[in-house]
Amino acid sequence: MAATHKSRPWFLRIFGTKIPTPLDAGRSDLVVVAEGFDDAEASSTALERAASTEPEFRAESEVVLRHHLDLPEGSVADAESIVAQDGYVRGSSRPEDVTPVAENLVRVVFERVQVLDALHCSQERSRMAGLAQRLGGSVAGWDALQPPDTCGGAAQTRSQKVLSGPIRFPRYLTD
């Protein structure tokens, strides 16, 4: 049986693990696990801090990366069409989001789901800063949302579970 373009190769179907479902950005239980609203702070520093505080940022899991931009009202549609090329959608503002600093600007949140590391976070921050500058606005900051860790930080992959126990050799090898 040949694999189609939408299915996985036969060896992954037989021996592979299940493909995890992607994170839904509309979930109501998402919490802010990392944020950067200071232009001088490096993304790597913000992510390191987030990994050591509660709720803990889990680097191996997907996040909803949100960028908060203050843009003139007339350029919001242009910004939406530009960021859509990179997979961003306009997110809804939450009550805890900061309001814009100037009267003629509108706070806009653009979000997408991705696995987040310091390099890609820095690249996306730079991209959003350039966009806001071209459209006459500014960037307020970014944050990352994840669902709370229900395992209490004890989530392990299958290989970690297998390798975490003592090594047991067959009896005929130990004699």
Foldseek 3Di string as FASTA:
>chain_A
DADDPPDDGPVCVVPNDDDDDFDDPPDPQKDWQFKDQDPPDALQVRLVVSCPDPVHDDLVHKWKKKWKKWAAPVCPVVLQVVCVVVVKHWDDDDPPDDADDDDRTGITMIIDIDRDDRVVVVVVVVVVQVVQVVRVIGTRIMTIIDHGDPVVPPDDDPVCVVPVDDDDDDPVVVD
